[in-house]
Amino acid sequence: MRYAVTRMKKDSLTRVNRAAIRCRRCPRLVAWRAETAANPPRRYHGHKYWGRPLPGFGDGAARLLIVGLAPAAHGGNRTGRMFTGDRSGDWLYRALFEHGFANQPESVDRDDGLELTDCYISAAVRCAPPANKPARDEFDNCRGYLVRDLRLLRRLRVVIALGKIAFDSYLKAAAEAGQPIPRPRPKFGHDIRHDLDNGLTLLGSYHPSQQNTFTGKLTVPMFHGVFRTARELLDG
């Protein structure tokens, strides 16, 4: 996704989010998000689904960026806000609250009063994918929105990537945004820290998916440890 220099000078997070919400570049994702919204499971009967790509969320002056993979079919795709209305969001917003980045520990819907301070949330893919697995061309089609986020979030100092795919997607977007990427290329690991050449610190974390949290691959102390590191880096 390419943008003229004159466009970039006038760009804003609001423009990025408006463009993302209107996006229909991936036919498979357009069909899936609509089908999911039209045929919800019984527990969500009567809910009005968002059923569109998700905007980024948070503080435009943030020093901390969270990069996720993609919305959940009955989480963000239902509520219209990233990591809202599902178990992954329960883990994320509790951690953000405990470390001073959120005003409340729960995220139920996009009108629940949640606010982020010094933190912004973006994703590698903005639409809910079948089986939570975006295709390669869908990552490519969506990367431009993350690239624009990185160019606009000028105060960033720390990035937390939730999962290896989000970690690798961040590095690709950072390179496209003109940011230097170290060689050898940083490798993903939980609670791994990479100090990048542009002054940013990249932290890896296992994704708080039910597959990881139910099996004990990711525990609350492990997850909160990453956010404690982020807080120490920002406060230090």
Protein backbone atom coordinates (compact mmCIF):
# COMPACT_ATOMS: atom_id res chain seq x y z
CA MET A 1 0.00 0.00 0.00
CA ARG A 2 1.69 3.23 -1.14
CA TYR A 3 0.93 6.84 -0.31
CA ALA A 4 2.22 10.06 -1.82
CA VAL A 5 4.37 12.29 0.33
CA THR A 6 1.72 15.02 0.25
CA ARG A 7 -0.83 12.52 1.58
CA MET A 8 1.47 11.45 4.40
CA LYS A 9 1.98 15.06 5.55
CA LYS A 10 -1.77 15.36 6.07
CA ASP A 11 -2.25 11.87 7.45
CA SER A 12 -3.68 11.22 10.92
CA LEU A 13 -4.76 8.26 13.00
CA THR A 14 -8.35 9.29 12.33
CA ARG A 15 -7.75 9.05 8.57
CA VAL A 16 -6.09 5.66 8.97
CA ASN A 17 -8.99 4.32 10.98
CA ARG A 18 -11.62 5.69 8.62
CA ALA A 19 -9.84 4.12 5.66
CA ALA A 20 -9.49 0.80 7.45
CA ILE A 21 -13.17 0.64 8.40
CA ARG A 22 -14.16 1.15 4.75
CA CYS A 23 -11.68 -1.42 3.42
CA ARG A 24 -12.95 -4.29 1.25
CA ARG A 25 -9.65 -5.42 -0.30
CA CYS A 26 -9.86 -9.05 0.87
CA PRO A 27 -12.96 -10.83 -0.52
CA ARG A 28 -12.55 -13.84 1.78
CA LEU A 29 -12.46 -11.67 4.91
CA VAL A 30 -15.33 -9.47 3.73
CA ALA A 31 -17.50 -12.57 3.26
CA TRP A 32 -16.42 -14.18 6.54
CA ARG A 33 -16.97 -11.16 8.75
CA ALA A 34 -20.45 -10.66 7.23
CA GLU A 35 -21.38 -14.32 7.58
CA THR A 36 -20.23 -14.38 11.20
CA ALA A 37 -22.25 -11.28 11.99
CA ALA A 38 -25.36 -12.70 10.32
CA ASN A 39 -25.12 -16.12 12.02
CA PRO A 40 -23.87 -15.64 15.59
CA PRO A 41 -23.77 -18.45 18.14
CA ARG A 42 -26.71 -18.73 20.50
CA ARG A 43 -24.97 -16.84 23.30
CA TYR A 44 -24.81 -13.75 21.09
CA HIS A 45 -28.29 -13.84 19.58
CA GLY A 46 -29.70 -10.33 19.68
CA HIS A 47 -26.26 -8.69 19.57
CA LYS A 48 -25.70 -6.23 16.76
CA TYR A 49 -22.32 -7.14 15.28
CA TRP A 50 -19.83 -4.54 14.09
CA GLY A 51 -18.93 -6.81 11.14
CA ARG A 52 -16.31 -4.48 9.61
CA PRO A 53 -12.55 -3.94 9.85
CA LEU A 54 -11.46 -2.61 13.22
CA PRO A 55 -9.90 0.80 13.83
CA GLY A 56 -6.87 1.20 16.05
CA PHE A 57 -7.61 2.19 19.62
CA GLY A 58 -5.92 4.29 22.27
CA ASP A 59 -3.80 7.34 22.96
CA GLY A 60 -2.44 9.13 19.90
CA ALA A 61 0.51 10.37 21.97
CA ALA A 62 1.32 6.85 23.18
CA ARG A 63 4.82 5.66 23.99
CA LEU A 64 3.64 2.02 24.14
CA LEU A 65 2.24 0.18 21.12
CA ILE A 66 0.51 -3.21 21.35
CA VAL A 67 0.44 -5.18 18.08
CA GLY A 68 -2.03 -8.06 17.87
CA LEU A 69 -2.76 -10.58 15.14
CA ALA A 70 -6.40 -10.06 14.05
CA PRO A 71 -9.84 -9.58 15.63
CA ALA A 72 -11.76 -12.55 17.00
CA ALA A 73 -14.95 -13.49 15.14
CA HIS A 74 -17.12 -12.99 18.22
CA GLY A 75 -14.84 -10.55 20.02
CA GLY A 76 -13.70 -7.49 18.09
CA ASN A 77 -15.79 -8.41 15.05
CA ARG A 78 -18.83 -8.26 17.33
CA THR A 79 -17.96 -5.28 19.53
CA GLY A 80 -16.07 -3.05 17.09
CA ARG A 81 -13.01 -2.55 19.29
CA MET A 82 -9.74 -4.45 19.38
CA PHE A 83 -9.44 -7.10 22.10
CA THR A 84 -12.92 -6.31 23.38
CA GLY A 85 -15.52 -8.91 24.31
CA ASP A 86 -13.32 -12.03 24.39
CA ARG A 87 -10.97 -13.88 26.74
CA SER A 88 -7.82 -12.47 25.14
CA GLY A 89 -9.09 -8.99 25.86
CA ASP A 90 -9.79 -9.95 29.46
CA TRP A 91 -6.09 -10.78 29.86
CA LEU A 92 -4.80 -7.78 27.94
CA TYR A 93 -6.88 -5.06 29.57
CA ARG A 94 -6.29 -6.44 33.06
CA ALA A 95 -2.53 -6.25 32.40
CA LEU A 96 -2.82 -2.72 30.98
CA PHE A 97 -4.88 -1.62 33.99
CA GLU A 98 -2.49 -3.16 36.52
CA HIS A 99 0.44 -1.31 34.95
CA GLY A 100 -1.20 2.08 34.56
CA PHE A 101 -2.11 2.09 30.86
CA ALA A 102 -5.90 1.68 31.20
CA ASN A 103 -8.53 3.27 33.44
CA GLN A 104 -10.38 0.00 34.05
CA PRO A 105 -9.55 -3.72 33.98
CA GLU A 106 -12.42 -4.91 31.78
CA SER A 107 -13.42 -4.40 28.18
CA VAL A 108 -17.00 -5.36 27.39
CA ASP A 109 -18.03 -3.19 24.45
CA ARG A 110 -16.79 -0.08 22.68
CA ASP A 111 -19.04 2.20 24.78
CA ASP A 112 -17.98 0.88 28.20
CA GLY A 113 -15.89 3.91 29.15
CA LEU A 114 -12.50 2.24 28.69
CA GLU A 115 -9.67 4.68 28.01
CA LEU A 116 -5.99 4.03 27.39
CA THR A 117 -3.20 6.30 28.59
CA ASP A 118 0.22 6.30 26.88
CA CYS A 119 -0.81 3.16 24.95
CA TYR A 120 -2.17 2.43 21.47
CA ILE A 121 -3.41 -0.90 20.09
CA SER A 122 -3.06 -1.93 16.44
CA ALA A 123 -3.00 -5.25 14.58
CA ALA A 124 -1.41 -7.05 11.67
CA VAL A 125 -4.85 -7.68 10.13
CA ARG A 126 -7.96 -5.59 10.84
CA CYS A 127 -10.67 -8.15 9.90
CA ALA A 128 -11.64 -11.37 11.66
CA PRO A 129 -10.26 -14.30 9.59
CA PRO A 130 -11.65 -17.86 9.35
CA ALA A 131 -10.01 -20.14 11.95
CA ASN A 132 -8.04 -17.08 13.16
CA LYS A 133 -5.63 -17.57 10.26
CA PRO A 134 -5.21 -14.72 7.75
CA ALA A 135 -3.78 -15.65 4.35
CA ARG A 136 -0.47 -14.22 3.14
CA ASP A 137 -2.11 -11.83 0.69
CA GLU A 138 -4.42 -10.60 3.46
CA PHE A 139 -1.42 -9.69 5.61
CA ASP A 140 0.05 -7.88 2.61
CA ASN A 141 -3.18 -6.02 1.87
CA CYS A 142 -3.56 -4.85 5.47
CA ARG A 143 0.03 -3.97 6.34
CA GLY A 144 -0.28 -0.42 5.06
CA TYR A 145 -2.53 0.53 7.97
CA LEU A 146 0.08 -0.58 10.50
CA VAL A 147 2.76 1.21 8.48
CA ARG A 148 0.77 4.43 8.72
CA ASP A 149 0.24 3.91 12.46
CA LEU A 150 3.99 3.60 12.95
CA ARG A 151 4.67 6.79 11.01
CA LEU A 152 2.08 8.71 13.01
CA LEU A 153 2.85 7.45 16.52
CA ARG A 154 5.96 9.59 16.81
CA ARG A 155 6.48 9.25 20.57
CA LEU A 156 6.74 5.46 20.60
CA ARG A 157 9.45 3.95 22.78
CA VAL A 158 8.22 0.38 23.41
CA VAL A 159 6.35 -2.11 21.22
CA ILE A 160 4.79 -5.32 22.59
CA ALA A 161 4.03 -7.89 19.90
CA LEU A 162 1.49 -10.52 20.95
CA GLY A 163 2.64 -13.73 19.29
CA LYS A 164 5.23 -14.58 16.67
CA ILE A 165 3.04 -13.61 13.72
CA ALA A 166 2.39 -10.16 15.17
CA PHE A 167 6.11 -9.87 15.98
CA ASP A 168 7.13 -10.63 12.39
CA SER A 169 4.34 -8.40 11.03
CA TYR A 170 5.58 -5.49 13.12
CA LEU A 171 9.11 -5.89 11.75
CA LYS A 172 7.83 -5.93 8.15
CA ALA A 173 5.71 -2.84 8.75
CA ALA A 174 8.56 -1.04 10.51
CA ALA A 175 10.85 -1.70 7.55
CA GLU A 176 8.21 -0.35 5.14
CA ALA A 177 7.81 2.69 7.39
CA GLY A 178 11.51 3.41 6.86
CA GLN A 179 12.69 2.31 10.29
CA PRO A 180 16.03 0.48 10.53
CA ILE A 181 15.80 -3.24 11.34
CA PRO A 182 18.84 -4.87 12.97
CA ARG A 183 20.80 -7.68 11.34
CA PRO A 184 20.49 -10.46 12.18
CA ARG A 185 16.75 -9.93 12.26
CA PRO A 186 15.26 -10.08 15.79
CA LYS A 187 13.75 -13.44 16.73
CA PHE A 188 10.53 -13.94 18.64
CA GLY A 189 10.41 -15.32 22.15
CA HIS A 190 8.29 -14.72 25.23
CA ASP A 191 9.64 -11.84 27.35
CA ILE A 192 12.46 -11.37 24.84
CA ARG A 193 13.75 -7.80 24.53
CA HIS A 194 15.28 -6.29 21.40
CA ASP A 195 16.70 -2.76 21.48
CA LEU A 196 16.26 -1.49 17.93
CA ASP A 197 18.47 1.00 16.11
CA ASN A 198 15.75 3.68 16.07
CA GLY A 199 15.60 3.90 19.86
CA LEU A 200 12.57 1.63 20.22
CA THR A 201 12.49 -1.50 22.35
CA LEU A 202 10.59 -4.49 20.93
CA LEU A 203 9.19 -6.97 23.44
CA GLY A 204 7.76 -10.36 22.52
CA SER A 205 4.92 -12.07 24.37
CA TYR A 206 2.94 -15.20 23.81
CA HIS A 207 -0.54 -14.27 22.62
CA PRO A 208 -3.18 -14.47 25.39
CA SER A 209 -5.30 -16.84 23.31
CA GLN A 210 -7.30 -19.55 25.04
CA GLN A 211 -5.00 -22.11 23.40
CA ASN A 212 -2.09 -20.60 25.33
CA THR A 213 -3.81 -19.62 28.57
CA PHE A 214 -5.88 -22.80 29.05
CA THR A 215 -2.84 -25.02 28.53
CA GLY A 216 -0.59 -23.03 30.83
CA LYS A 217 1.81 -22.05 28.08
CA LEU A 218 1.06 -18.48 29.15
CA THR A 219 0.34 -17.69 32.80
CA VAL A 220 -0.76 -14.43 34.42
CA PRO A 221 2.68 -13.79 35.99
CA MET A 222 4.38 -14.48 32.64
CA PHE A 223 2.06 -12.11 30.79
CA HIS A 224 2.20 -9.34 33.39
CA GLY A 225 5.98 -9.62 33.45
CA VAL A 226 6.14 -8.29 29.89
CA PHE A 227 4.04 -5.25 30.81
CA ARG A 228 6.10 -4.68 33.93
CA THR A 229 9.18 -4.55 31.71
CA ALA A 230 7.44 -2.04 29.43
CA ARG A 231 6.50 0.12 32.38
CA GLU A 232 10.05 0.04 33.76
CA LEU A 233 11.47 1.02 30.37
CA LEU A 234 9.09 3.96 30.06
CA ASP A 235 9.53 5.14 33.64
CA GLY A 236 13.29 4.69 33.48
